[in-house]
Amino acid sequence: MARLGILVKGELDRLKKYNLFTATTVVLLLWVGMTWLLDAKEITAFVPLILLMDSTMMTIVLVGATLFYEKKEHTINSILVTPVREAEYILAKVIVSVINSLITVIALSATVYFLKSVTFNFALVTASVVLITVFHTLLGICFAYFSKNFSSLLVNFMLYVIIIMLPTVLADLGVIGKGIAQFFIILPPDAASIILKAGFETVDLWKVIFGFTYLAALSLALYKYIIKPRFNDYAMRETGV
């Protein structure tokens, strides 16, 4: 636990050092400002979409950025000669990503409650955001594994957004009909959108259970079959071995 605390502190310090906290704060203020301009009915549709964007797209970009900043600092070199295990290193990144996402949840919750008198199932939304963030943190690490530089990571990220995430967003906005959109549930962003919406409106229970189970299973699969087995290869590559 002591090692994990040091790793988490290092992650937070790195976010501050490279102004990534500033960037996320600016985005959060933008979300809060947009929410303030909406009426109560629009908020129940818009806030889940904000949380979806924040816990997916922002999470992947932040994880990718910190990994490549670590490359500049030769952080991996230092970690390899310490008692830190790869599980602790990865868990620290997951924890920091979750902290960032929960800050957004708390800020938006306070905004809609005090300015618009809108309430929602805070516990369910929080649990959803945590799970979604965990999955997309691991996904961001996977992207970094298979990217030579930050530009190639952004290309992989954009492909994910266009191919996997955009259909979900278009369905949420009503651009894609419900008949087609019902098959999007196998896409991770759509499963994420469903469990987030459940905190604001009535959603079929089976869809909520499926969403949580599906994202949890994908997270475990990513860690067990990709992230953990390839960690040493990634570390060796980054150290130039």
Foldseek 3Di string as FASTA:
>chain_A
DVVLVVLLVVLVVLCVVVVVVVVLVVVLVVVLVVLLPDAQVVCLLVVLVVLLCLLAVVLLLSLLVSVQVCLVVVVLVVVVPDPDDPVSNLVSSLVNQLVSSVVSLVSNQCSCCPNHVHHWQSVLLSVLSSLSNLLNNLVSVLLNLPDPHSVSSVVVSVCCCVPQNVVLVCVSVVVDDPVVVVVSLLRLSNLSSQSNSVRRDPDPPVSNVCSSVNSVVSSVCSVPPPCVVCVVVSSCVSVPD
